[in-house]
């Protein structure tokens, strides 16, 4: 059984565990050092103040999370946000990413968010498929915007109006 719920700081350790391989073993995240539980708890608290942070459990095991965060700092961007979803690779292709977005996007809309943006480091066909499946549309590519794992990385940007 899948359950999506609001995250608490008590979920920070497991969220950090899920996120770490995306940082250390791939270019999916542009972070260079994986945050620990304390930093992840601070991120959860910040996201919940202004946007939202959700976790998904399958069979009572926390398997993934998704959140919204500030898109840009200038005032006119306040009704836009960035979104991200991370699912433990051992639980991929079970509909957890979709379940997270189907819960997250209405909550962001209720907070008066009008547009959600997702940056996807390329190549990442699974993430592209997920975002398109939940209604995101491609809006452009930042070419060679990040250097990670010995090479330049492109980021495709996807948008969904809420």
N, C-alpha and C. Protein backbone atom coordinates (compact mmCIF):
# COMPACT_ATOMS: atom_id res chain seq x y z
N UNK A 1 0.84 -1.19 0.00
CA UNK A 1 0.00 0.00 0.00
C UNK A 1 0.88 1.25 0.00
N UNK A 2 0.53 2.21 -0.83
CA UNK A 2 1.27 3.46 -0.95
C UNK A 2 0.57 4.54 -0.13
N UNK A 3 1.36 5.27 0.66
CA UNK A 3 0.83 6.39 1.42
C UNK A 3 1.73 7.60 1.19
N UNK A 4 1.14 8.72 0.79
CA UNK A 4 1.85 9.99 0.65
C UNK A 4 1.41 10.88 1.80
N UNK A 5 2.39 11.49 2.46
CA UNK A 5 2.08 12.36 3.60
C UNK A 5 3.08 13.49 3.67
N UNK A 6 2.74 14.50 4.45
CA UNK A 6 3.67 15.60 4.70
C UNK A 6 4.87 15.07 5.46
N UNK A 7 6.03 15.55 5.10
CA UNK A 7 7.26 15.15 5.78
C UNK A 7 7.37 15.87 7.11
N UNK A 8 8.10 15.25 8.01
CA UNK A 8 8.48 15.90 9.26
C UNK A 8 9.99 15.83 9.37
N UNK A 9 10.55 16.58 10.29
CA UNK A 9 11.99 16.54 10.46
C UNK A 9 12.45 15.14 10.87
N UNK A 10 11.56 14.32 11.40
CA UNK A 10 11.91 12.94 11.75
C UNK A 10 12.21 12.10 10.50
N UNK A 11 11.77 12.55 9.34
CA UNK A 11 12.02 11.84 8.08
C UNK A 11 13.36 12.22 7.45
N UNK A 12 14.05 13.18 8.04
CA UNK A 12 15.25 13.74 7.42
C UNK A 12 16.35 12.71 7.18
N UNK A 13 16.58 11.83 8.14
CA UNK A 13 17.63 10.83 7.97
C UNK A 13 17.39 9.94 6.79
N UNK A 14 16.17 9.45 6.65
CA UNK A 14 15.85 8.57 5.51
C UNK A 14 15.88 9.35 4.20
N UNK A 15 15.40 10.59 4.19
CA UNK A 15 15.48 11.40 2.97
C UNK A 15 16.94 11.60 2.57
N UNK A 16 17.80 11.85 3.53
CA UNK A 16 19.23 12.01 3.24
C UNK A 16 19.81 10.73 2.66
N UNK A 17 19.41 9.58 3.17
CA UNK A 17 19.88 8.30 2.63
C UNK A 17 19.45 8.10 1.19
N UNK A 18 18.21 8.45 0.89
CA UNK A 18 17.70 8.30 -0.48
C UNK A 18 18.44 9.23 -1.42
N UNK A 19 18.69 10.45 -0.98
CA UNK A 19 19.28 11.48 -1.84
C UNK A 19 20.78 11.26 -2.09
N UNK A 20 21.50 10.74 -1.12
CA UNK A 20 22.96 10.65 -1.20
C UNK A 20 23.48 10.04 -2.50
N UNK A 21 22.98 8.90 -2.97
CA UNK A 21 23.53 8.34 -4.21
C UNK A 21 23.30 9.22 -5.44
N UNK A 22 22.23 10.00 -5.42
CA UNK A 22 21.98 10.91 -6.54
C UNK A 22 23.04 12.01 -6.59
N UNK A 23 23.60 12.33 -5.43
CA UNK A 23 24.65 13.34 -5.34
C UNK A 23 26.02 12.73 -5.64
N UNK A 24 26.32 11.60 -5.01
CA UNK A 24 27.68 11.06 -5.08
C UNK A 24 27.94 10.18 -6.29
N UNK A 25 26.91 9.54 -6.84
CA UNK A 25 27.12 8.55 -7.88
C UNK A 25 26.53 8.92 -9.24
N UNK A 26 26.01 10.13 -9.37
CA UNK A 26 25.41 10.53 -10.65
C UNK A 26 25.45 12.05 -10.80
N UNK A 27 25.03 12.51 -11.93
CA UNK A 27 24.92 13.95 -12.16
C UNK A 27 23.47 14.42 -12.03
N UNK A 28 22.58 13.55 -11.53
CA UNK A 28 21.17 13.92 -11.37
C UNK A 28 21.04 15.16 -10.50
N UNK A 29 21.79 15.21 -9.41
CA UNK A 29 21.83 16.40 -8.57
C UNK A 29 23.14 17.13 -8.84
N UNK A 30 23.09 18.43 -8.87
CA UNK A 30 24.30 19.22 -9.08
C UNK A 30 25.02 19.52 -7.77
N UNK A 31 24.51 19.03 -6.66
CA UNK A 31 25.27 19.16 -5.42
C UNK A 31 26.50 18.27 -5.52
N UNK A 32 27.57 18.67 -4.85
CA UNK A 32 28.81 17.89 -4.88
C UNK A 32 29.01 17.08 -3.61
N UNK A 33 28.40 17.51 -2.52
CA UNK A 33 28.49 16.80 -1.24
C UNK A 33 27.08 16.51 -0.76
N UNK A 34 26.85 15.25 -0.41
CA UNK A 34 25.52 14.85 0.06
C UNK A 34 25.25 15.44 1.44
N UNK A 35 24.10 16.08 1.62
CA UNK A 35 23.77 16.63 2.94
C UNK A 35 23.44 15.52 3.92
N UNK A 36 23.74 15.75 5.18
CA UNK A 36 23.38 14.81 6.23
C UNK A 36 21.97 15.06 6.74
N UNK A 37 21.61 14.31 7.74
CA UNK A 37 20.25 14.39 8.30
C UNK A 37 19.94 15.77 8.86
N UNK A 38 20.90 16.41 9.50
CA UNK A 38 20.65 17.73 10.09
C UNK A 38 20.33 18.77 9.01
N UNK A 39 21.11 18.78 7.94
CA UNK A 39 20.85 19.71 6.83
C UNK A 39 19.52 19.37 6.16
N UNK A 40 19.24 18.10 5.99
CA UNK A 40 17.99 17.70 5.35
C UNK A 40 16.79 18.12 6.20
N UNK A 41 16.92 18.03 7.52
CA UNK A 41 15.85 18.49 8.41
C UNK A 41 15.60 19.97 8.23
N UNK A 42 16.66 20.75 8.08
CA UNK A 42 16.50 22.19 7.87
C UNK A 42 15.82 22.46 6.53
N UNK A 43 16.15 21.68 5.52
CA UNK A 43 15.51 21.85 4.20
C UNK A 43 14.04 21.51 4.26
N UNK A 44 13.70 20.46 4.96
CA UNK A 44 12.29 20.07 5.11
C UNK A 44 11.53 21.19 5.81
N UNK A 45 12.07 21.72 6.87
CA UNK A 45 11.40 22.78 7.63
C UNK A 45 11.20 24.02 6.76
N UNK A 46 12.22 24.42 5.99
CA UNK A 46 12.09 25.60 5.11
C UNK A 46 11.04 25.37 4.04
N UNK A 47 11.08 24.21 3.40
CA UNK A 47 10.13 23.93 2.32
C UNK A 47 8.69 23.92 2.84
N UNK A 48 8.49 23.38 4.01
CA UNK A 48 7.13 23.30 4.55
C UNK A 48 6.59 24.66 4.93
N UNK A 49 7.46 25.63 5.24
CA UNK A 49 6.99 26.98 5.57
C UNK A 49 6.40 27.68 4.35
N UNK A 50 7.05 27.55 3.20
CA UNK A 50 6.64 28.33 2.04
C UNK A 50 5.99 27.51 0.93
N UNK A 51 6.31 26.24 0.84
CA UNK A 51 5.81 25.41 -0.26
C UNK A 51 5.28 24.09 0.30
N UNK A 52 6.03 23.03 0.16
CA UNK A 52 5.62 21.73 0.73
C UNK A 52 6.73 20.73 0.53
N UNK A 53 6.77 19.72 1.37
CA UNK A 53 7.68 18.58 1.26
C UNK A 53 6.88 17.36 1.65
N UNK A 54 6.80 16.41 0.75
CA UNK A 54 6.03 15.19 0.98
C UNK A 54 6.94 13.97 0.92
N UNK A 55 6.55 12.92 1.61
CA UNK A 55 7.24 11.64 1.51
C UNK A 55 6.22 10.58 1.09
N UNK A 56 6.74 9.52 0.50
CA UNK A 56 5.89 8.40 0.12
C UNK A 56 6.41 7.15 0.82
N UNK A 57 5.48 6.39 1.36
CA UNK A 57 5.80 5.12 1.99
C UNK A 57 5.11 4.00 1.22
N UNK A 58 5.81 2.90 1.09
CA UNK A 58 5.25 1.70 0.48
C UNK A 58 5.49 0.56 1.45
N UNK A 59 4.43 -0.05 1.91
CA UNK A 59 4.56 -1.11 2.89
C UNK A 59 5.20 -0.64 4.19
N UNK A 60 4.98 0.62 4.54
CA UNK A 60 5.52 1.19 5.76
C UNK A 60 6.96 1.65 5.68
N UNK A 61 7.57 1.56 4.49
CA UNK A 61 8.96 1.98 4.29
C UNK A 61 8.98 3.28 3.51
N UNK A 62 9.69 4.29 4.03
CA UNK A 62 9.82 5.56 3.32
C UNK A 62 10.70 5.32 2.10
N UNK A 63 10.13 5.52 0.92
CA UNK A 63 10.79 5.16 -0.34
C UNK A 63 11.13 6.36 -1.22
N UNK A 64 10.62 7.54 -0.90
CA UNK A 64 10.89 8.70 -1.75
C UNK A 64 10.29 9.96 -1.17
N UNK A 65 10.62 11.06 -1.83
CA UNK A 65 10.11 12.35 -1.39
C UNK A 65 10.06 13.31 -2.57
N UNK A 66 9.25 14.35 -2.40
CA UNK A 66 9.13 15.42 -3.39
C UNK A 66 8.89 16.72 -2.64
N UNK A 67 9.31 17.81 -3.27
CA UNK A 67 9.13 19.10 -2.61
C UNK A 67 9.04 20.22 -3.64
N UNK A 68 8.52 21.34 -3.17
CA UNK A 68 8.53 22.58 -3.92
C UNK A 68 9.43 23.57 -3.20
N UNK A 69 10.08 24.43 -3.97
CA UNK A 69 10.95 25.45 -3.39
C UNK A 69 10.92 26.70 -4.25
N UNK A 70 11.49 27.76 -3.73
CA UNK A 70 11.52 29.04 -4.42
C UNK A 70 12.16 28.89 -5.80
N UNK A 71 11.54 29.50 -6.81
CA UNK A 71 12.08 29.45 -8.17
C UNK A 71 13.19 30.47 -8.36
N UNK A 72 12.91 31.70 -8.07
CA UNK A 72 13.88 32.79 -8.16
C UNK A 72 13.59 33.75 -7.01
N UNK A 73 14.51 34.65 -6.74
CA UNK A 73 14.35 35.51 -5.57
C UNK A 73 13.54 36.78 -5.81
N UNK A 74 13.44 37.26 -7.01
CA UNK A 74 12.72 38.52 -7.27
C UNK A 74 11.23 38.34 -7.04
N UNK A 75 10.61 39.39 -6.55
CA UNK A 75 9.22 39.33 -6.09
C UNK A 75 8.21 38.81 -7.08
N UNK A 76 8.34 39.15 -8.34
CA UNK A 76 7.35 38.74 -9.32
C UNK A 76 7.34 37.22 -9.55
N UNK A 77 8.38 36.53 -9.10
CA UNK A 77 8.45 35.08 -9.23
C UNK A 77 7.75 34.35 -8.08
N UNK A 78 7.16 35.06 -7.15
CA UNK A 78 6.63 34.42 -5.95
C UNK A 78 5.53 33.39 -6.22
N UNK A 79 4.90 33.44 -7.38
CA UNK A 79 3.85 32.46 -7.70
C UNK A 79 4.38 31.32 -8.57
N UNK A 80 5.70 31.23 -8.69
CA UNK A 80 6.34 30.11 -9.39
C UNK A 80 7.20 29.35 -8.39
N UNK A 81 7.45 28.09 -8.68
CA UNK A 81 8.32 27.31 -7.81
C UNK A 81 9.05 26.24 -8.60
N UNK A 82 10.13 25.75 -8.02
CA UNK A 82 10.83 24.60 -8.55
C UNK A 82 10.33 23.38 -7.80
N UNK A 83 10.31 22.25 -8.47
CA UNK A 83 9.91 21.00 -7.84
C UNK A 83 10.95 19.93 -8.12
N UNK A 84 11.01 18.96 -7.25
CA UNK A 84 11.91 17.82 -7.43
C UNK A 84 11.31 16.60 -6.77
N UNK A 85 11.65 15.45 -7.30
CA UNK A 85 11.21 14.18 -6.73
C UNK A 85 12.40 13.23 -6.74
N UNK A 86 12.55 12.50 -5.64
CA UNK A 86 13.61 11.50 -5.53
C UNK A 86 13.00 10.22 -4.95
N UNK A 87 13.21 9.12 -5.67
CA UNK A 87 12.71 7.82 -5.23
C UNK A 87 13.90 6.87 -5.11
N UNK A 88 13.94 6.14 -4.02
CA UNK A 88 14.98 5.13 -3.81
C UNK A 88 15.00 4.23 -5.04
N UNK A 89 16.18 4.07 -5.69
CA UNK A 89 16.24 3.24 -6.90
C UNK A 89 15.71 1.82 -6.71
N UNK A 90 15.76 1.30 -5.51
CA UNK A 90 15.21 -0.02 -5.25
C UNK A 90 13.70 -0.07 -5.31
N UNK A 91 13.06 1.09 -5.39
CA UNK A 91 11.60 1.18 -5.45
C UNK A 91 11.12 1.93 -6.69
N UNK A 92 11.98 2.03 -7.69
CA UNK A 92 11.59 2.77 -8.90
C UNK A 92 10.60 1.95 -9.73
N UNK A 93 9.92 2.65 -10.61
CA UNK A 93 8.95 2.07 -11.53
C UNK A 93 7.77 1.39 -10.82
N UNK A 94 7.41 1.96 -9.66
CA UNK A 94 6.26 1.46 -8.91
C UNK A 94 5.17 2.52 -8.78
N UNK A 95 5.31 3.62 -9.51
CA UNK A 95 4.32 4.69 -9.46
C UNK A 95 4.49 5.64 -8.29
N UNK A 96 5.61 5.56 -7.58
CA UNK A 96 5.79 6.40 -6.40
C UNK A 96 6.05 7.86 -6.78
N UNK A 97 6.84 8.09 -7.82
CA UNK A 97 7.08 9.46 -8.28
C UNK A 97 5.79 10.13 -8.72
N UNK A 98 4.99 9.41 -9.45
CA UNK A 98 3.69 9.94 -9.90
C UNK A 98 2.80 10.23 -8.70
N UNK A 99 2.75 9.32 -7.74
CA UNK A 99 1.92 9.53 -6.55
C UNK A 99 2.37 10.78 -5.80
N UNK A 100 3.68 10.98 -5.70
CA UNK A 100 4.19 12.17 -5.02
C UNK A 100 3.75 13.44 -5.75
N UNK A 101 3.93 13.49 -7.07
CA UNK A 101 3.54 14.69 -7.81
C UNK A 101 2.03 14.90 -7.79
N UNK A 102 1.25 13.83 -7.86
CA UNK A 102 -0.20 13.99 -7.83
C UNK A 102 -0.69 14.55 -6.50
N UNK A 103 0.09 14.35 -5.44
CA UNK A 103 -0.25 14.96 -4.14
C UNK A 103 0.37 16.34 -3.99
N UNK A 104 1.59 16.51 -4.48
CA UNK A 104 2.31 17.78 -4.30
C UNK A 104 1.70 18.93 -5.10
N UNK A 105 1.41 18.72 -6.36
CA UNK A 105 0.99 19.83 -7.23
C UNK A 105 -0.30 20.49 -6.76
N UNK A 106 -1.33 19.74 -6.34
CA UNK A 106 -2.52 20.42 -5.81
C UNK A 106 -2.24 21.22 -4.53
N UNK A 107 -1.33 20.72 -3.71
CA UNK A 107 -0.99 21.46 -2.48
C UNK A 107 -0.28 22.76 -2.82
N UNK A 108 0.57 22.72 -3.83
CA UNK A 108 1.24 23.96 -4.26
C UNK A 108 0.23 24.94 -4.83
N UNK A 109 -0.71 24.43 -5.62
CA UNK A 109 -1.76 25.30 -6.18
C UNK A 109 -2.56 25.95 -5.05
N UNK A 110 -2.85 25.20 -4.00
CA UNK A 110 -3.59 25.75 -2.86
C UNK A 110 -2.81 26.85 -2.17
N UNK A 111 -1.50 26.85 -2.32
CA UNK A 111 -0.64 27.90 -1.75
C UNK A 111 -0.45 29.05 -2.75
N UNK A 112 -1.27 29.09 -3.79
CA UNK A 112 -1.27 30.15 -4.79
C UNK A 112 -0.06 30.10 -5.73
N UNK A 113 0.52 28.91 -5.88
CA UNK A 113 1.59 28.73 -6.87
C UNK A 113 0.91 28.53 -8.22
N UNK A 114 1.36 29.26 -9.22
CA UNK A 114 0.77 29.21 -10.56
C UNK A 114 1.56 28.33 -11.52
N UNK A 115 2.89 28.31 -11.40
CA UNK A 115 3.73 27.57 -12.34
C UNK A 115 4.80 26.79 -11.58
N UNK A 116 4.96 25.52 -11.96
CA UNK A 116 5.99 24.67 -11.36
C UNK A 116 7.02 24.33 -12.43
N UNK A 117 8.29 24.38 -12.04
CA UNK A 117 9.40 24.12 -12.96
C UNK A 117 10.24 22.98 -12.42
N UNK A 118 10.68 22.11 -13.33
CA UNK A 118 11.56 21.01 -12.97
C UNK A 118 12.78 21.04 -13.88
N UNK A 119 13.95 21.06 -13.27
CA UNK A 119 15.21 20.97 -14.01
C UNK A 119 15.69 19.54 -13.99
N UNK A 120 15.97 18.99 -15.16
CA UNK A 120 16.37 17.59 -15.28
C UNK A 120 17.74 17.52 -15.93
N UNK A 121 18.74 17.09 -15.16
CA UNK A 121 20.09 16.92 -15.70
C UNK A 121 20.05 15.78 -16.72
N UNK A 122 20.64 16.03 -17.86
CA UNK A 122 20.58 15.08 -18.97
C UNK A 122 21.84 14.23 -19.07
N UNK A 123 21.69 13.00 -19.56
CA UNK A 123 20.45 12.31 -19.92
C UNK A 123 19.75 11.73 -18.69
N UNK A 124 18.44 11.71 -18.76
CA UNK A 124 17.65 11.11 -17.68
C UNK A 124 16.26 10.78 -18.24
N UNK A 125 16.17 9.77 -19.09
CA UNK A 125 14.89 9.46 -19.73
C UNK A 125 13.78 9.09 -18.74
N UNK A 126 14.11 8.47 -17.62
CA UNK A 126 13.07 8.12 -16.65
C UNK A 126 12.43 9.36 -16.05
N UNK A 127 13.25 10.36 -15.72
CA UNK A 127 12.70 11.60 -15.15
C UNK A 127 11.88 12.35 -16.19
N UNK A 128 12.36 12.39 -17.41
CA UNK A 128 11.60 13.06 -18.47
C UNK A 128 10.24 12.38 -18.63
N UNK A 129 10.22 11.05 -18.66
CA UNK A 129 8.96 10.32 -18.81
C UNK A 129 8.01 10.62 -17.65
N UNK A 130 8.53 10.65 -16.42
CA UNK A 130 7.68 10.96 -15.27
C UNK A 130 7.08 12.34 -15.40
N UNK A 131 7.91 13.33 -15.68
CA UNK A 131 7.41 14.70 -15.75
C UNK A 131 6.39 14.88 -16.87
N UNK A 132 6.63 14.28 -18.01
CA UNK A 132 5.65 14.38 -19.09
C UNK A 132 4.35 13.65 -18.73
N UNK A 133 4.46 12.55 -18.01
CA UNK A 133 3.27 11.78 -17.62
C UNK A 133 2.37 12.56 -16.66
N UNK A 134 2.95 13.47 -15.89
CA UNK A 134 2.12 14.26 -14.96
C UNK A 134 1.87 15.68 -15.49
N UNK A 135 2.09 15.89 -16.78
CA UNK A 135 1.65 17.13 -17.41
C UNK A 135 2.68 18.22 -17.58
N UNK A 136 3.94 17.96 -17.31
CA UNK A 136 4.98 18.96 -17.55
C UNK A 136 5.32 18.99 -19.04
N UNK A 137 5.65 20.17 -19.54
CA UNK A 137 6.04 20.35 -20.93
C UNK A 137 7.44 20.93 -21.01
N UNK A 138 8.23 20.53 -22.02
CA UNK A 138 9.58 21.07 -22.14
C UNK A 138 9.55 22.55 -22.51
N UNK A 139 10.43 23.33 -21.90
CA UNK A 139 10.51 24.76 -22.22
C UNK A 139 11.90 25.19 -22.65
N UNK A 140 12.91 24.33 -22.50
CA UNK A 140 14.23 24.70 -22.97
C UNK A 140 15.33 23.89 -22.30
N UNK A 141 16.53 24.09 -22.81
CA UNK A 141 17.69 23.38 -22.28
C UNK A 141 18.79 24.38 -22.00
N UNK A 142 19.34 24.31 -20.80
CA UNK A 142 20.55 25.05 -20.46
C UNK A 142 21.71 24.15 -20.86
N UNK A 143 22.48 24.56 -21.86
CA UNK A 143 23.60 23.77 -22.36
C UNK A 143 24.83 23.96 -21.49
N UNK A 144 25.47 22.85 -21.16
CA UNK A 144 26.73 22.85 -20.42
C UNK A 144 26.70 23.79 -19.21
N UNK A 145 25.65 23.69 -18.43
CA UNK A 145 25.44 24.60 -17.30
C UNK A 145 26.12 24.13 -16.02
N UNK A 146 26.50 22.86 -15.97
CA UNK A 146 27.17 22.35 -14.77
C UNK A 146 28.27 21.37 -15.12
N UNK A 147 29.31 21.38 -14.31
CA UNK A 147 30.43 20.44 -14.48
C UNK A 147 30.36 19.43 -13.35
N UNK A 148 30.15 18.18 -13.71
CA UNK A 148 30.09 17.14 -12.69
C UNK A 148 30.52 15.82 -13.29
N UNK A 149 31.21 15.05 -12.48
CA UNK A 149 31.66 13.71 -12.86
C UNK A 149 32.47 13.74 -14.16
N UNK A 150 33.34 14.73 -14.26
CA UNK A 150 34.28 14.79 -15.38
C UNK A 150 33.73 15.32 -16.68
N UNK A 151 32.55 15.94 -16.66
CA UNK A 151 32.01 16.46 -17.91
C UNK A 151 30.99 17.55 -17.71
N UNK A 152 30.75 18.29 -18.80
CA UNK A 152 29.72 19.32 -18.80
C UNK A 152 28.36 18.63 -18.86
N UNK A 153 27.41 19.18 -18.13
CA UNK A 153 26.07 18.61 -18.07
C UNK A 153 25.03 19.65 -18.51
N UNK A 154 24.11 19.18 -19.34
CA UNK A 154 22.98 20.00 -19.76
C UNK A 154 21.82 19.78 -18.79
N UNK A 155 20.96 20.78 -18.67
CA UNK A 155 19.74 20.65 -17.87
C UNK A 155 18.56 21.05 -18.73
N UNK A 156 17.62 20.11 -18.88
CA UNK A 156 16.36 20.40 -19.56
C UNK A 156 15.37 20.95 -18.55
N UNK A 157 14.64 21.97 -18.94
CA UNK A 157 13.65 22.56 -18.05
C UNK A 157 12.25 22.23 -18.54
N UNK A 158 11.43 21.82 -17.60
CA UNK A 158 10.04 21.46 -17.86
C UNK A 158 9.15 22.33 -16.98
N UNK A 159 7.96 22.64 -17.49
CA UNK A 159 7.03 23.52 -16.77
C UNK A 159 5.64 22.93 -16.80
N UNK A 160 4.94 23.16 -15.72
CA UNK A 160 3.51 22.84 -15.68
C UNK A 160 2.79 23.99 -15.00
N UNK A 161 1.78 24.52 -15.68
CA UNK A 161 0.92 25.53 -15.08
C UNK A 161 -0.09 24.82 -14.19
N UNK A 162 -0.27 25.35 -13.00
CA UNK A 162 -1.16 24.71 -12.05
C UNK A 162 -2.55 25.34 -12.08
